[in-house]
PDB file of N, CA and C in Angstrom:
ATOM      1  N   MET A   1       5.057 -25.228  40.933  1.00  0.00           N
ATOM      2  CA  MET A   1       6.279 -24.887  39.483  1.00  0.00           C
ATOM      3  C   MET A   1       7.161 -23.623  39.996  1.00  0.00           C
ATOM      4  N   GLU A   2       8.387 -23.942  39.836  1.00  0.00           N
ATOM      5  CA  GLU A   2       8.891 -22.054  40.552  1.00  0.00           C
ATOM      6  C   GLU A   2       9.699 -21.619  39.046  1.00  0.00           C
ATOM      7  N   ILE A   3      10.125 -20.570  39.548  1.00  0.00           N
ATOM      8  CA  ILE A   3      11.005 -19.816  38.243  1.00  0.00           C
ATOM      9  C   ILE A   3      12.546 -20.132  39.299  1.00  0.00           C
ATOM     10  N   LYS A   4      13.642 -20.572  38.020  1.00  0.00           N
ATOM     11  CA  LYS A   4      14.544 -20.839  38.745  1.00  0.00           C
ATOM     12  C   LYS A   4      14.963 -19.466  38.434  1.00  0.00           C
ATOM     13  N   GLY A   5      16.596 -19.499  39.907  1.00  0.00           N
ATOM     14  CA  GLY A   5      16.625 -18.084  40.356  1.00  0.00           C
ATOM     15  C   GLY A   5      15.929 -17.391  40.723  1.00  0.00           C
ATOM     16  N   TYR A   6      14.754 -17.806  41.425  1.00  0.00           N
ATOM     17  CA  TYR A   6      13.513 -16.610  41.823  1.00  0.00           C
ATOM     18  C   TYR A   6      14.127 -17.539  43.519  1.00  0.00           C
ATOM     19  N   ARG A   7      12.782 -17.003  44.368  1.00  0.00           N
ATOM     20  CA  ARG A   7      13.145 -17.308  45.916  1.00  0.00           C
ATOM     21  C   ARG A   7      10.890 -17.122  45.623  1.00  0.00           C
ATOM     22  N   GLU A   8      11.362 -17.637  47.014  1.00  0.00           N
ATOM     23  CA  GLU A   8       9.620 -17.184  47.182  1.00  0.00           C
ATOM     24  C   GLU A   8       9.770 -15.719  47.389  1.00  0.00           C
ATOM     25  N   LEU A   9       8.295 -15.253  47.100  1.00  0.00           N
ATOM     26  CA  LEU A   9       9.239 -13.866  47.458  1.00  0.00           C
ATOM     27  C   LEU A   9       7.923 -13.363  48.869  1.00  0.00           C
ATOM     28  N   SER A  10       7.558 -12.486  49.366  1.00  0.00           N
ATOM     29  CA  SER A  10       6.789 -11.957  50.625  1.00  0.00           C
ATOM     30  C   SER A  10       5.632 -10.754  50.083  1.00  0.00           C
ATOM     31  N   VAL A  11       4.672 -11.772  50.680  1.00  0.00           N
ATOM     32  CA  VAL A  11       3.161 -10.128  50.611  1.00  0.00           C
ATOM     33  C   VAL A  11       3.603  -9.129  49.656  1.00  0.00           C
ATOM     34  N   ASN A  12       4.459  -7.966  50.928  1.00  0.00           N
ATOM     35  CA  ASN A  12       5.135  -7.062  51.355  1.00  0.00           C
ATOM     36  C   ASN A  12       5.862  -6.688  49.633  1.00  0.00           C
ATOM     37  N   GLU A  13       7.168  -7.798  49.107  1.00  0.00           N
ATOM     38  CA  GLU A  13       8.109  -7.274  48.689  1.00  0.00           C
ATOM     39  C   GLU A  13       7.506  -7.685  46.918  1.00  0.00           C
ATOM     40  N   ILE A  14       6.427  -8.215  47.019  1.00  0.00           N
ATOM     41  CA  ILE A  14       5.245  -8.155  45.568  1.00  0.00           C
ATOM     42  C   ILE A  14       4.569  -7.477  45.750  1.00  0.00           C
ATOM     43  N   GLU A  15       3.947  -6.421  46.406  1.00  0.00           N
ATOM     44  CA  GLU A  15       2.719  -5.546  46.922  1.00  0.00           C
ATOM     45  C   GLU A  15       4.277  -4.170  46.462  1.00  0.00           C
ATOM     46  N   LEU A  16       5.829  -4.403  46.390  1.00  0.00           N
ATOM     47  CA  LEU A  16       6.695  -2.914  46.058  1.00  0.00           C
ATOM     48  C   LEU A  16       6.509  -2.986  44.727  1.00  0.00           C
ATOM     49  N   ILE A  17       6.942  -4.500  44.425  1.00  0.00           N
ATOM     50  CA  ILE A  17       7.320  -4.750  43.056  1.00  0.00           C
ATOM     51  C   ILE A  17       5.999  -4.064  42.184  1.00  0.00           C
ATOM     52  N   ASN A  18       4.641  -4.926  42.233  1.00  0.00           N
ATOM     53  CA  ASN A  18       3.762  -4.116  41.439  1.00  0.00           C
ATOM     54  C   ASN A  18       3.179  -2.872  42.164  1.00  0.00           C
ATOM     55  N   GLU A  19       3.604  -2.144  43.141  1.00  0.00           N
ATOM     56  CA  GLU A  19       3.846  -0.368  42.882  1.00  0.00           C
ATOM     57  C   GLU A  19       5.128   0.294  41.601  1.00  0.00           C
ATOM     58  N   GLY A  20       5.849  -0.953  41.285  1.00  0.00           N
ATOM     59  CA  GLY A  20       6.992  -0.809  40.723  1.00  0.00           C
ATOM     60  C   GLY A  20       6.108  -0.161  38.770  1.00  0.00           C
ATOM     61  N   LYS A  21       5.635  -1.712  38.970  1.00  0.00           N
ATOM     62  CA  LYS A  21       5.780  -2.226  37.902  1.00  0.00           C
ATOM     63  C   LYS A  21       4.201  -1.320  36.768  1.00  0.00           C
ATOM     64  N   LYS A  22       4.337  -0.790  37.752  1.00  0.00           N
ATOM     65  CA  LYS A  22       2.961   0.037  37.494  1.00  0.00           C
ATOM     66  C   LYS A  22       3.393   1.760  37.788  1.00  0.00           C
ATOM     67  N   LEU A  23       4.172   2.344  38.124  1.00  0.00           N
ATOM     68  CA  LEU A  23       4.638   4.319  38.265  1.00  0.00           C
ATOM     69  C   LEU A  23       5.784   3.290  36.469  1.00  0.00           C
ATOM     70  N   SER A  24       5.945   1.986  36.586  1.00  0.00           N
ATOM     71  CA  SER A  24       7.298   1.694  34.963  1.00  0.00           C
ATOM     72  C   SER A  24       6.197   2.345  34.060  1.00  0.00           C
ATOM     73  N   GLU A  25       5.053   2.256  34.424  1.00  0.00           N
ATOM     74  CA  GLU A  25       3.549   1.609  32.952  1.00  0.00           C
ATOM     75  C   GLU A  25       3.167   3.182  32.535  1.00  0.00           C
ATOM     76  N   GLU A  26       3.232   3.870  34.140  1.00  0.00           N
ATOM     77  CA  GLU A  26       3.295   5.548  33.538  1.00  0.00           C
ATOM     78  C   GLU A  26       4.111   6.108  32.618  1.00  0.00           C
ATOM     79  N   VAL A  27       5.480   6.077  33.980  1.00  0.00           N
ATOM     80  CA  VAL A  27       6.438   5.980  32.777  1.00  0.00           C
ATOM     81  C   VAL A  27       6.547   6.250  31.522  1.00  0.00           C
ATOM     82  N   GLY A  28       6.617   4.827  30.902  1.00  0.00           N
ATOM     83  CA  GLY A  28       6.727   4.760  29.954  1.00  0.00           C
ATOM     84  C   GLY A  28       5.454   5.395  28.888  1.00  0.00           C
ATOM     85  N   ALA A  29       4.091   5.286  29.798  1.00  0.00           N
ATOM     86  CA  ALA A  29       3.301   6.556  28.989  1.00  0.00           C
ATOM     87  C   ALA A  29       3.976   8.044  28.115  1.00  0.00           C
ATOM     88  N   PHE A  30       4.831   8.511  29.704  1.00  0.00           N
ATOM     89  CA  PHE A  30       4.942   9.688  29.479  1.00  0.00           C
ATOM     90  C   PHE A  30       5.820   9.368  28.071  1.00  0.00           C
ATOM     91  N   ILE A  31       6.853   8.283  28.276  1.00  0.00           N
ATOM     92  CA  ILE A  31       8.437   8.563  27.314  1.00  0.00           C
ATOM     93  C   ILE A  31       7.059   7.733  25.620  1.00  0.00           C
ATOM     94  N   ALA A  32       6.242   7.945  25.456  1.00  0.00           N
ATOM     95  CA  ALA A  32       5.556   7.472  24.077  1.00  0.00           C
ATOM     96  C   ALA A  32       4.662   8.813  23.816  1.00  0.00           C
ATOM     97  N   LEU A  33       4.855   9.805  24.606  1.00  0.00           N
ATOM     98  CA  LEU A  33       4.121  10.937  23.610  1.00  0.00           C
ATOM     99  C   LEU A  33       5.513  10.949  23.949  1.00  0.00           C
ATOM    100  N   LEU A  34       6.162  11.597  24.236  1.00  0.00           N
ATOM    101  CA  LEU A  34       7.368  12.131  23.174  1.00  0.00           C
ATOM    102  C   LEU A  34       7.712  11.582  22.831  1.00  0.00           C
ATOM    103  N   HIS A  35       7.209  10.499  22.516  1.00  0.00           N
ATOM    104  CA  HIS A  35       8.813   9.518  21.202  1.00  0.00           C
ATOM    105  C   HIS A  35       7.291  10.770  19.621  1.00  0.00           C
ATOM    106  N   LYS A  36       6.386  11.152  20.567  1.00  0.00           N
ATOM    107  CA  LYS A  36       4.978  10.435  18.968  1.00  0.00           C
ATOM    108  C   LYS A  36       5.170  12.862  19.842  1.00  0.00           C
ATOM    109  N   LYS A  37       6.102  13.646  20.283  1.00  0.00           N
ATOM    110  CA  LYS A  37       5.867  15.136  19.751  1.00  0.00           C
ATOM    111  C   LYS A  37       7.065  15.483  18.332  1.00  0.00           C
ATOM    112  N   GLU A  38       6.916  16.207  17.964  1.00  0.00           N
ATOM    113  CA  GLU A  38       7.368  17.276  16.294  1.00  0.00           C
ATOM    114  C   GLU A  38       8.840  17.511  16.847  1.00  0.00           C
ATOM    115  N   ASN A  39       8.389  18.136  18.431  1.00  0.00           N
ATOM    116  CA  ASN A  39       9.593  18.616  19.530  1.00  0.00           C
ATOM    117  C   ASN A  39      10.070  19.168  19.536  1.00  0.00           C
ATOM    118  N   THR A  40      10.924  16.962  19.406  1.00  0.00           N
ATOM    119  CA  THR A  40      11.947  16.473  20.716  1.00  0.00           C
ATOM    120  C   THR A  40      13.217  15.252  19.710  1.00  0.00           C
ATOM    121  N   ASP A  41      13.585  15.513  21.334  1.00  0.00           N
ATOM    122  CA  ASP A  41      15.150  15.234  20.062  1.00  0.00           C
ATOM    123  C   ASP A  41      14.392  14.181  20.222  1.00  0.00           C
ATOM    124  N   LYS A  42      14.605  12.724  19.243  1.00  0.00           N
ATOM    125  CA  LYS A  42      14.361  11.456  19.058  1.00  0.00           C
ATOM    126  C   LYS A  42      15.343  10.823  19.633  1.00  0.00           C
ATOM    127  N   ARG A  43      16.754  11.435  19.897  1.00  0.00           N
ATOM    128  CA  ARG A  43      17.673  10.596  19.525  1.00  0.00           C
ATOM    129  C   ARG A  43      17.456  10.401  22.018  1.00  0.00           C
ATOM    130  N   TRP A  44      17.387  12.118  22.180  1.00  0.00           N
ATOM    131  CA  TRP A  44      17.874  11.361  24.107  1.00  0.00           C
ATOM    132  C   TRP A  44      16.098  11.148  24.560  1.00  0.00           C
ATOM    133  N   VAL A  45      15.055  10.464  24.491  1.00  0.00           N
ATOM    134  CA  VAL A  45      14.176  10.146  23.854  1.00  0.00           C
ATOM    135  C   VAL A  45      14.698   8.449  24.132  1.00  0.00           C
ATOM    136  N   SER A  46      15.135   8.645  23.460  1.00  0.00           N
ATOM    137  CA  SER A  46      15.565   7.047  23.658  1.00  0.00           C
ATOM    138  C   SER A  46      16.145   6.503  24.287  1.00  0.00           C
ATOM    139  N   ILE A  47      17.836   7.203  24.476  1.00  0.00           N
ATOM    140  CA  ILE A  47      18.064   7.331  26.057  1.00  0.00           C
ATOM    141  C   ILE A  47      17.536   7.134  27.214  1.00  0.00           C
ATOM    142  N   ALA A  48      16.964   8.441  27.297  1.00  0.00           N
ATOM    143  CA  ALA A  48      15.872   8.226  28.631  1.00  0.00           C
ATOM    144  C   ALA A  48      14.765   7.252  28.799  1.00  0.00           C
ATOM    145  N   GLN A  49      14.197   6.492  28.090  1.00  0.00           N
ATOM    146  CA  GLN A  49      14.016   5.433  27.437  1.00  0.00           C
ATOM    147  C   GLN A  49      14.779   4.492  28.251  1.00  0.00           C
ATOM    148  N   THR A  50      15.823   3.619  27.542  1.00  0.00           N
ATOM    149  CA  THR A  50      16.124   2.453  27.792  1.00  0.00           C
ATOM    150  C   THR A  50      17.023   3.023  29.488  1.00  0.00           C
ATOM    151  N   ASP A  51      18.086   4.386  30.473  1.00  0.00           N
ATOM    152  CA  ASP A  51      18.484   4.466  31.324  1.00  0.00           C
ATOM    153  C   ASP A  51      17.206   4.125  32.123  1.00  0.00           C
ATOM    154  N   LEU A  52      15.458   4.913  31.751  1.00  0.00           N
ATOM    155  CA  LEU A  52      14.379   4.117  32.239  1.00  0.00           C
ATOM    156  C   LEU A  52      14.366   2.935  32.319  1.00  0.00           C
ATOM    157  N   GLN A  53      14.382   2.605  31.223  1.00  0.00           N
ATOM    158  CA  GLN A  53      14.055   0.753  31.673  1.00  0.00           C
ATOM    159  C   GLN A  53      14.681   0.103  32.523  1.00  0.00           C
ATOM    160  N   LYS A  54      16.851   0.481  32.692  1.00  0.00           N
ATOM    161  CA  LYS A  54      17.754   0.430  32.675  1.00  0.00           C
ATOM    162  C   LYS A  54      17.239   0.115  35.024  1.00  0.00           C
ATOM    163  N   GLY A  55      17.151   1.102  35.124  1.00  0.00           N
ATOM    164  CA  GLY A  55      16.524   1.705  35.828  1.00  0.00           C
ATOM    165  C   GLY A  55      15.924   1.526  37.039  1.00  0.00           C
ATOM    166  N   PHE A  56      14.379   1.088  36.449  1.00  0.00           N
ATOM    167  CA  PHE A  56      13.139   0.237  36.427  1.00  0.00           C
ATOM    168  C   PHE A  56      13.655  -0.948  37.152  1.00  0.00           C
ATOM    169  N   MET A  57      14.568  -1.660  36.351  1.00  0.00           N
ATOM    170  CA  MET A  57      14.400  -2.662  36.290  1.00  0.00           C
ATOM    171  C   MET A  57      15.759  -3.231  37.242  1.00  0.00           C
ATOM    172  N   ALA A  58      16.646  -2.746  37.658  1.00  0.00           N
ATOM    173  CA  ALA A  58      17.170  -2.979  38.592  1.00  0.00           C
ATOM    174  C   ALA A  58      16.393  -2.298  40.355  1.00  0.00           C
ATOM    175  N   ALA A  59      15.440  -1.566  40.305  1.00  0.00           N
ATOM    176  CA  ALA A  59      14.901  -1.347  41.023  1.00  0.00           C
ATOM    177  C   ALA A  59      13.771  -2.623  41.777  1.00  0.00           C
ATOM    178  N   ILE A  60      14.048  -3.698  40.677  1.00  0.00           N
ATOM    179  CA  ILE A  60      12.517  -4.785  40.914  1.00  0.00           C
ATOM    180  C   ILE A  60      14.299  -5.359  42.010  1.00  0.00           C
ATOM    181  N   ARG A  61      14.788  -6.209  40.640  1.00  0.00           N
ATOM    182  CA  ARG A  61      15.980  -6.756  41.056  1.00  0.00           C
ATOM    183  C   ARG A  61      16.650  -6.207  42.839  1.00  0.00           C
ATOM    184  N   SER A  62      16.337  -5.585  43.377  1.00  0.00           N
ATOM    185  CA  SER A  62      16.857  -5.038  44.320  1.00  0.00           C
ATOM    186  C   SER A  62      15.809  -6.004  45.527  1.00  0.00           C
ATOM    187  N   ILE A  63      14.535  -5.610  44.786  1.00  0.00           N
ATOM    188  CA  ILE A  63      13.997  -6.221  45.901  1.00  0.00           C
ATOM    189  C   ILE A  63      13.024  -7.839  45.472  1.00  0.00           C
ATOM    190  N   ALA A  64      13.371  -8.511  44.365  1.00  0.00           N
ATOM    191  CA  ALA A  64      12.880  -9.811  43.934  1.00  0.00           C
ATOM    192  C   ALA A  64      14.122 -10.622  44.326  1.00  0.00           C
ATOM    193  N   LYS A  65      15.310 -10.365  44.918  1.00  0.00           N
ATOM    194  CA  LYS A  65      17.046 -10.237  44.082  1.00  0.00           C
ATOM    195  C   LYS A  65      17.208 -12.188  43.865  1.00  0.00           C
ATOM    196  N   PRO A  66      17.457 -11.424  43.146  1.00  0.00           N
ATOM    197  CA  PRO A  66      17.410 -12.899  41.656  1.00  0.00           C
ATOM    198  C   PRO A  66      18.915 -14.018  42.197  1.00  0.00           C
ATOM    199  N   THR A  67      18.100 -15.212  42.575  1.00  0.00           N
ATOM    200  CA  THR A  67      20.635 -15.888  42.653  1.00  0.00           C
ATOM    201  C   THR A  67      21.245 -16.353  41.483  1.00  0.00           C
ATOM    202  N   THR A  68      19.887 -15.237  40.645  1.00  0.00           N
ATOM    203  CA  THR A  68      21.067 -16.138  39.665  1.00  0.00           C
ATOM    204  C   THR A  68      21.578 -14.712  38.882  1.00  0.00           C
ATOM    205  N   PHE A  69      22.437 -14.585  37.500  1.00  0.00           N
ATOM    206  CA  PHE A  69      23.069 -14.147  36.505  1.00  0.00           C
ATOM    207  C   PHE A  69      21.947 -12.462  36.227  1.00  0.00           C
TER     208      PHE A  69
END
């Protein structure tokens, strides 16, 4: 079964995506730590979280190259 809007990925592309997902989990753990710290500006932590999520999503899309919006 295929996912609409996605092409078949090569082994190299899958490895790159998995590396990006692993790195994003590490960054996500750091952001979670910042959220827990009392002396951090939570507004900026939230902005960082959103921008980093968008960045990782864009990087993954650059590899997957979906055919839909």
